[in-house]
Amino acid sequence: MDREKKSGFRTLLVSVLMSAYGPVILGLGLRVGHSTTQIADFTRRTAELLALIVALIVFAATNGRKAMDAAEKSVWEKRGNTFTGVIMCISGLSMLILSFLSTDTDKGNVIPALVIALLGVIANTIFWRRYTVLYHQQNNAILGVQARLYGAKSAVDVCVTVALAAVLVFPGTGVSLWLDRVGSVLVALYMLRCGIKTIREFHGADI
C-alpha cells in the first residue's frame, strides 16, 4: 500500500474510531432523554458507524492486495457501497415512521445528544474536507462516497443541533414538539436520499 493509499486507510480508521463514541453516548443518553430527533440521530450514527466499518474493510481489501485486478476491485467497491446505501435506506425509513408516530411532548434531558450534535458539526466538516482532498488525489470510489456522506452529515448535524436546542429552550411546548419532529424528519430524509443515491450510482444500469 503506497503513501496515498495509506493516508486514505488512516483517514477511514480515524473516522471509525471517532464515530464509535457517538452511538454509545447517545444510547446512554436515551435513558434520560427521548426526543424523536435524539432517537433518529442515534439510529443514524449507528448505521453510519456500521457503514464506515464496511468501507474500511473494503478499502483495505482492495488496496492491500497487489494481485487484485480492476474488475475485482470494482466488484468489492460496488458491494461495499451498496451495503452502505441499503443500511442508510432502512434506517431512514424506520426513522421516518418513528417521527410521525411520536406524540409525546416530554422530551426529557437532551443535553448529551446536543453536545454530540455540536461536536459532530465540527468533526464531520473536517472529515468532509479531508475525504474530498483524498478523493481528488486518488479517484477512489470508497473515498468519494465518504466525501459525499460527510458533507451531508455536516449539514444534518446543524439541523439536529437546532432541533435539540429548541427542545432544550422550549421544553414541553408545541414549539419543541414541532421542531423536534421536523429535525427527525430531516435526518430520515437525509438517510434515504444518501442511500438511494449511493445504490443508484453503483447500479445505474441495473435499476
C-alpha atoms as a PDB file:
ATOM      1  CA  MET A   1       0.000   0.000   0.000  1.00  0.00           C
ATOM      2  CA  ASP A   2       1.623   3.275  -1.143  1.00  0.00           C
ATOM      3  CA  ARG A   3       1.685   6.546   0.812  1.00  0.00           C
ATOM      4  CA  GLU A   4      -1.554   7.954  -0.666  1.00  0.00           C
ATOM      5  CA  LYS A   5      -3.458   4.726  -0.050  1.00  0.00           C
ATOM      6  CA  LYS A   6      -2.110   4.553   3.493  1.00  0.00           C
ATOM      7  CA  SER A   7      -3.375   8.099   4.007  1.00  0.00           C
ATOM      8  CA  GLY A   8      -6.853   7.035   2.850  1.00  0.00           C
ATOM      9  CA  PHE A   9      -6.778   3.986   5.134  1.00  0.00           C
ATOM     10  CA  ARG A  10      -5.704   6.065   8.145  1.00  0.00           C
ATOM     11  CA  THR A  11      -8.456   8.595   7.493  1.00  0.00           C
ATOM     12  CA  LEU A  12     -11.064   5.828   7.340  1.00  0.00           C
ATOM     13  CA  LEU A  13      -9.682   4.260  10.515  1.00  0.00           C
ATOM     14  CA  VAL A  14      -9.765   7.575  12.396  1.00  0.00           C
ATOM     15  CA  SER A  15     -13.324   8.107  11.113  1.00  0.00           C
ATOM     16  CA  VAL A  16     -14.380   4.759  12.575  1.00  0.00           C
ATOM     17  CA  LEU A  17     -12.713   5.440  15.919  1.00  0.00           C
ATOM     18  CA  MET A  18     -14.180   8.941  16.216  1.00  0.00           C
ATOM     19  CA  SER A  19     -17.646   7.793  15.108  1.00  0.00           C
ATOM     20  CA  ALA A  20     -17.737   4.976  17.671  1.00  0.00           C
ATOM     21  CA  TYR A  21     -18.321   7.272  20.667  1.00  0.00           C
ATOM     22  CA  GLY A  22     -21.483   8.836  19.225  1.00  0.00           C
ATOM     23  CA  PRO A  23     -23.847   5.822  19.343  1.00  0.00           C
ATOM     24  CA  VAL A  24     -22.530   4.868  22.802  1.00  0.00           C
ATOM     25  CA  ILE A  25     -23.125   8.290  24.369  1.00  0.00           C
ATOM     26  CA  LEU A  26     -26.452   8.765  22.572  1.00  0.00           C
ATOM     27  CA  GLY A  27     -27.550   5.279  23.617  1.00  0.00           C
ATOM     28  CA  LEU A  28     -26.816   6.113  27.249  1.00  0.00           C
ATOM     29  CA  GLY A  29     -28.478   9.489  26.764  1.00  0.00           C
ATOM     30  CA  LEU A  30     -31.717   7.795  25.726  1.00  0.00           C
ATOM     31  CA  ARG A  31     -32.112   6.698  29.362  1.00  0.00           C
ATOM     32  CA  VAL A  32     -32.788  10.336  30.319  1.00  0.00           C
ATOM     33  CA  GLY A  33     -33.981  11.873  27.048  1.00  0.00           C
ATOM     34  CA  HIS A  34     -36.441  10.610  24.435  1.00  0.00           C
ATOM     35  CA  SER A  35     -36.646  13.291  21.784  1.00  0.00           C
ATOM     36  CA  THR A  36     -37.548  11.827  18.383  1.00  0.00           C
ATOM     37  CA  THR A  37     -34.632  13.771  16.888  1.00  0.00           C
ATOM     38  CA  GLN A  38     -32.359  12.201  19.504  1.00  0.00           C
ATOM     39  CA  ILE A  39     -33.632   8.694  18.728  1.00  0.00           C
ATOM     40  CA  ALA A  40     -33.313   9.341  14.991  1.00  0.00           C
ATOM     41  CA  ASP A  41     -29.770  10.652  15.458  1.00  0.00           C
ATOM     42  CA  PHE A  42     -28.832   7.546  17.473  1.00  0.00           C
ATOM     43  CA  THR A  43     -30.148   5.322  14.676  1.00  0.00           C
ATOM     44  CA  ARG A  44     -28.356   7.396  12.043  1.00  0.00           C
ATOM     45  CA  ARG A  45     -24.993   7.348  13.804  1.00  0.00           C
ATOM     46  CA  THR A  46     -25.204   3.615  14.476  1.00  0.00           C
ATOM     47  CA  ALA A  47     -25.952   2.928  10.800  1.00  0.00           C
ATOM     48  CA  GLU A  48     -23.165   5.259   9.680  1.00  0.00           C
ATOM     49  CA  LEU A  49     -20.676   3.569  12.019  1.00  0.00           C
ATOM     50  CA  LEU A  50     -21.550   0.169  10.560  1.00  0.00           C
ATOM     51  CA  ALA A  51     -21.207   1.553   7.024  1.00  0.00           C
ATOM     52  CA  LEU A  52     -17.826   3.113   7.914  1.00  0.00           C
ATOM     53  CA  ILE A  53     -16.522  -0.200   9.219  1.00  0.00           C
ATOM     54  CA  VAL A  54     -17.542  -1.901   5.974  1.00  0.00           C
ATOM     55  CA  ALA A  55     -15.896   0.902   3.944  1.00  0.00           C
ATOM     56  CA  LEU A  56     -12.672   0.465   5.932  1.00  0.00           C
ATOM     57  CA  ILE A  57     -12.666  -3.303   5.323  1.00  0.00           C
ATOM     58  CA  VAL A  58     -13.351  -2.909   1.602  1.00  0.00           C
ATOM     59  CA  PHE A  59     -10.710  -0.181   1.185  1.00  0.00           C
ATOM     60  CA  ALA A  60      -8.107  -2.329   2.960  1.00  0.00           C
ATOM     61  CA  ALA A  61      -9.032  -5.385   0.878  1.00  0.00           C
ATOM     62  CA  THR A  62      -8.976  -3.586  -2.474  1.00  0.00           C
ATOM     63  CA  ASN A  63      -5.792  -1.630  -1.859  1.00  0.00           C
ATOM     64  CA  GLY A  64      -3.763  -4.114   0.159  1.00  0.00           C
ATOM     65  CA  ARG A  65      -3.605  -6.913  -2.398  1.00  0.00           C
ATOM     66  CA  LYS A  66      -1.295  -6.200  -5.327  1.00  0.00           C
ATOM     67  CA  ALA A  67      -2.770  -9.079  -7.339  1.00  0.00           C
ATOM     68  CA  MET A  68      -6.325  -7.667  -7.366  1.00  0.00           C
ATOM     69  CA  ASP A  69      -7.275  -6.513 -10.859  1.00  0.00           C
ATOM     70  CA  ALA A  70      -9.516  -3.559 -11.713  1.00  0.00           C
ATOM     71  CA  ALA A  71     -12.625  -5.706 -12.321  1.00  0.00           C
ATOM     72  CA  GLU A  72     -12.359  -7.486  -8.964  1.00  0.00           C
ATOM     73  CA  LYS A  73     -11.678  -4.215  -7.190  1.00  0.00           C
ATOM     74  CA  SER A  74     -14.806  -2.705  -8.796  1.00  0.00           C
ATOM     75  CA  VAL A  75     -16.926  -5.626  -7.563  1.00  0.00           C
ATOM     76  CA  TRP A  76     -15.676  -5.189  -3.997  1.00  0.00           C
ATOM     77  CA  GLU A  77     -16.302  -1.452  -4.071  1.00  0.00           C
ATOM     78  CA  LYS A  78     -19.780  -1.919  -5.537  1.00  0.00           C
ATOM     79  CA  ARG A  79     -20.732  -4.411  -2.811  1.00  0.00           C
ATOM     80  CA  GLY A  80     -19.369  -2.209  -0.031  1.00  0.00           C
ATOM     81  CA  ASN A  81     -21.089   0.934  -1.256  1.00  0.00           C
ATOM     82  CA  THR A  82     -24.329  -0.951  -1.939  1.00  0.00           C
ATOM     83  CA  PHE A  83     -24.298  -2.194   1.664  1.00  0.00           C
ATOM     84  CA  THR A  84     -23.831   1.394   2.809  1.00  0.00           C
ATOM     85  CA  GLY A  85     -26.783   2.510   0.683  1.00  0.00           C
ATOM     86  CA  VAL A  86     -29.096  -0.243   1.926  1.00  0.00           C
ATOM     87  CA  ILE A  87     -28.237   0.479   5.567  1.00  0.00           C
ATOM     88  CA  MET A  88     -28.985   4.173   5.005  1.00  0.00           C
ATOM     89  CA  CYS A  89     -32.359   3.447   3.361  1.00  0.00           C
ATOM     90  CA  ILE A  90     -33.518   1.038   6.086  1.00  0.00           C
ATOM     91  CA  SER A  91     -32.500   3.487   8.818  1.00  0.00           C
ATOM     92  CA  GLY A  92     -34.177   6.398   7.038  1.00  0.00           C
ATOM     93  CA  LEU A  93     -37.488   4.553   6.626  1.00  0.00           C
ATOM     94  CA  SER A  94     -37.555   3.442  10.258  1.00  0.00           C
ATOM     95  CA  MET A  95     -36.839   6.985  11.477  1.00  0.00           C
ATOM     96  CA  LEU A  96     -39.494   8.468   9.197  1.00  0.00           C
ATOM     97  CA  ILE A  97     -42.124   6.130  10.640  1.00  0.00           C
ATOM     98  CA  LEU A  98     -40.974   6.915  14.182  1.00  0.00           C
ATOM     99  CA  SER A  99     -41.181  10.669  13.530  1.00  0.00           C
ATOM    100  CA  PHE A 100     -44.895  10.553  12.717  1.00  0.00           C
ATOM    101  CA  LEU A 101     -45.809   8.052  15.443  1.00  0.00           C
ATOM    102  CA  SER A 102     -44.341  10.103  18.298  1.00  0.00           C
ATOM    103  CA  THR A 103     -46.751  12.473  20.100  1.00  0.00           C
ATOM    104  CA  ASP A 104     -45.026  12.821  23.485  1.00  0.00           C
ATOM    105  CA  THR A 105     -44.199  16.453  24.359  1.00  0.00           C
ATOM    106  CA  ASP A 106     -41.985  15.500  27.331  1.00  0.00           C
ATOM    107  CA  LYS A 107     -38.570  15.008  25.730  1.00  0.00           C
ATOM    108  CA  GLY A 108     -36.506  14.615  28.890  1.00  0.00           C
ATOM    109  CA  ASN A 109     -32.831  15.646  29.072  1.00  0.00           C
ATOM    110  CA  VAL A 110     -31.419  16.206  25.566  1.00  0.00           C
ATOM    111  CA  ILE A 111     -28.118  17.821  26.639  1.00  0.00           C
ATOM    112  CA  PRO A 112     -25.936  14.722  25.880  1.00  0.00           C
ATOM    113  CA  ALA A 113     -27.433  14.492  22.385  1.00  0.00           C
ATOM    114  CA  LEU A 114     -26.982  18.240  21.844  1.00  0.00           C
ATOM    115  CA  VAL A 115     -23.293  18.050  22.791  1.00  0.00           C
ATOM    116  CA  ILE A 116     -22.767  15.128  20.380  1.00  0.00           C
ATOM    117  CA  ALA A 117     -24.506  17.074  17.599  1.00  0.00           C
ATOM    118  CA  LEU A 118     -22.304  20.144  18.167  1.00  0.00           C
ATOM    119  CA  LEU A 119     -19.152  18.017  18.119  1.00  0.00           C
ATOM    120  CA  GLY A 120     -20.491  16.296  15.014  1.00  0.00           C
ATOM    121  CA  VAL A 121     -20.757  19.600  13.136  1.00  0.00           C
ATOM    122  CA  ILE A 122     -17.061  20.264  13.779  1.00  0.00           C
ATOM    123  CA  ALA A 123     -15.714  16.735  13.205  1.00  0.00           C
ATOM    124  CA  ASN A 124     -17.821  15.959  10.143  1.00  0.00           C
ATOM    125  CA  THR A 125     -16.868  19.221   8.452  1.00  0.00           C
ATOM    126  CA  ILE A 126     -13.178  18.398   8.963  1.00  0.00           C
ATOM    127  CA  PHE A 127     -13.622  14.862   7.581  1.00  0.00           C
ATOM    128  CA  TRP A 128     -15.693  16.141   4.651  1.00  0.00           C
ATOM    129  CA  ARG A 129     -12.795  18.374   3.579  1.00  0.00           C
ATOM    130  CA  ARG A 130     -10.268  15.592   4.156  1.00  0.00           C
ATOM    131  CA  TYR A 131     -12.181  12.981   2.138  1.00  0.00           C
ATOM    132  CA  THR A 132     -12.758  15.488  -0.670  1.00  0.00           C
ATOM    133  CA  VAL A 133      -8.995  16.090  -0.960  1.00  0.00           C
ATOM    134  CA  LEU A 134      -8.218  12.355  -0.850  1.00  0.00           C
ATOM    135  CA  TYR A 135     -10.854  11.579  -3.468  1.00  0.00           C
ATOM    136  CA  HIS A 136      -9.399  14.138  -5.884  1.00  0.00           C
ATOM    137  CA  GLN A 137      -5.924  12.707  -5.275  1.00  0.00           C
ATOM    138  CA  GLN A 138      -6.795   9.011  -5.617  1.00  0.00           C
ATOM    139  CA  ASN A 139     -10.121   8.924  -7.521  1.00  0.00           C
ATOM    140  CA  ASN A 140     -11.210   6.043  -5.258  1.00  0.00           C
ATOM    141  CA  ALA A 141     -14.944   5.196  -5.210  1.00  0.00           C
ATOM    142  CA  ILE A 142     -14.964   4.397  -1.479  1.00  0.00           C
ATOM    143  CA  LEU A 143     -13.400   7.761  -0.617  1.00  0.00           C
ATOM    144  CA  GLY A 144     -15.770   9.550  -2.998  1.00  0.00           C
ATOM    145  CA  VAL A 145     -18.825   8.133  -1.250  1.00  0.00           C
ATOM    146  CA  GLN A 146     -17.402   9.080   2.146  1.00  0.00           C
ATOM    147  CA  ALA A 147     -16.770  12.654   0.956  1.00  0.00           C
ATOM    148  CA  ARG A 148     -20.405  12.998  -0.103  1.00  0.00           C
ATOM    149  CA  LEU A 149     -21.726  11.388   3.077  1.00  0.00           C
ATOM    150  CA  TYR A 150     -19.639  13.567   5.371  1.00  0.00           C
ATOM    151  CA  GLY A 151     -20.728  16.706   3.558  1.00  0.00           C
ATOM    152  CA  ALA A 152     -24.362  15.732   4.095  1.00  0.00           C
ATOM    153  CA  LYS A 153     -23.664  14.639   7.680  1.00  0.00           C
ATOM    154  CA  SER A 154     -22.305  18.105   8.486  1.00  0.00           C
ATOM    155  CA  ALA A 155     -25.497  19.736   7.234  1.00  0.00           C
ATOM    156  CA  VAL A 156     -27.707  17.260   9.081  1.00  0.00           C
ATOM    157  CA  ASP A 157     -25.811  17.794  12.339  1.00  0.00           C
ATOM    158  CA  VAL A 158     -26.580  21.508  12.052  1.00  0.00           C
ATOM    159  CA  CYS A 159     -30.303  20.648  11.724  1.00  0.00           C
ATOM    160  CA  VAL A 160     -30.109  18.240  14.672  1.00  0.00           C
ATOM    161  CA  THR A 161     -28.349  20.871  16.788  1.00  0.00           C
ATOM    162  CA  VAL A 162     -31.052  23.448  16.060  1.00  0.00           C
ATOM    163  CA  ALA A 163     -33.880  20.976  16.790  1.00  0.00           C
ATOM    164  CA  LEU A 164     -32.378  19.771  20.083  1.00  0.00           C
ATOM    165  CA  ALA A 165     -31.554  23.339  21.160  1.00  0.00           C
ATOM    166  CA  ALA A 166     -35.229  24.214  20.625  1.00  0.00           C
ATOM    167  CA  VAL A 167     -36.289  21.240  22.747  1.00  0.00           C
ATOM    168  CA  LEU A 168     -33.904  22.401  25.480  1.00  0.00           C
ATOM    169  CA  VAL A 169     -35.027  26.057  25.371  1.00  0.00           C
ATOM    170  CA  PHE A 170     -38.782  25.380  24.949  1.00  0.00           C
ATOM    171  CA  PRO A 171     -39.373  22.152  26.932  1.00  0.00           C
ATOM    172  CA  GLY A 172     -42.827  20.578  26.900  1.00  0.00           C
ATOM    173  CA  THR A 173     -44.303  23.020  24.377  1.00  0.00           C
ATOM    174  CA  GLY A 174     -45.883  22.664  20.971  1.00  0.00           C
ATOM    175  CA  VAL A 175     -42.907  24.524  19.509  1.00  0.00           C
ATOM    176  CA  SER A 176     -40.442  21.927  20.775  1.00  0.00           C
ATOM    177  CA  LEU A 177     -42.685  19.071  19.580  1.00  0.00           C
ATOM    178  CA  TRP A 178     -42.932  20.564  16.094  1.00  0.00           C
ATOM    179  CA  LEU A 179     -39.226  21.391  15.753  1.00  0.00           C
ATOM    180  CA  ASP A 180     -38.271  18.001  17.187  1.00  0.00           C
ATOM    181  CA  ARG A 181     -40.419  16.259  14.582  1.00  0.00           C
ATOM    182  CA  VAL A 182     -39.005  18.440  11.791  1.00  0.00           C
ATOM    183  CA  GLY A 183     -35.484  17.586  12.937  1.00  0.00           C
ATOM    184  CA  SER A 184     -36.120  13.847  12.927  1.00  0.00           C
ATOM    185  CA  VAL A 185     -37.804  14.016   9.501  1.00  0.00           C
ATOM    186  CA  LEU A 186     -34.825  15.905   8.057  1.00  0.00           C
ATOM    187  CA  VAL A 187     -32.447  13.247   9.396  1.00  0.00           C
ATOM    188  CA  ALA A 188     -34.649  10.491   7.943  1.00  0.00           C
ATOM    189  CA  LEU A 189     -34.875  12.162   4.528  1.00  0.00           C
ATOM    190  CA  TYR A 190     -31.111  12.661   4.512  1.00  0.00           C
ATOM    191  CA  MET A 191     -30.568   8.957   5.156  1.00  0.00           C
ATOM    192  CA  LEU A 192     -32.992   7.962   2.393  1.00  0.00           C
ATOM    193  CA  ARG A 193     -31.504  10.409  -0.105  1.00  0.00           C
ATOM    194  CA  CYS A 194     -27.922   9.305   0.531  1.00  0.00           C
ATOM    195  CA  GLY A 195     -28.883   5.625   0.499  1.00  0.00           C
ATOM    196  CA  ILE A 196     -30.822   5.807  -2.774  1.00  0.00           C
ATOM    197  CA  LYS A 197     -28.173   7.964  -4.443  1.00  0.00           C
ATOM    198  CA  THR A 198     -25.395   5.572  -3.420  1.00  0.00           C
ATOM    199  CA  ILE A 199     -27.263   2.496  -4.676  1.00  0.00           C
ATOM    200  CA  ARG A 200     -28.203   4.141  -7.977  1.00  0.00           C
ATOM    201  CA  GLU A 201     -24.673   5.382  -8.537  1.00  0.00           C
ATOM    202  CA  PHE A 202     -23.226   1.886  -8.407  1.00  0.00           C
ATOM    203  CA  HIS A 203     -26.145   0.054 -10.025  1.00  0.00           C
ATOM    204  CA  GLY A 204     -27.254   2.666 -12.532  1.00  0.00           C
ATOM    205  CA  ALA A 205     -27.697   0.130 -15.275  1.00  0.00           C
ATOM    206  CA  ASP A 206     -29.496  -2.376 -13.089  1.00  0.00           C
ATOM    207  CA  ILE A 207     -32.339  -0.299 -11.541  1.00  0.00           C
END
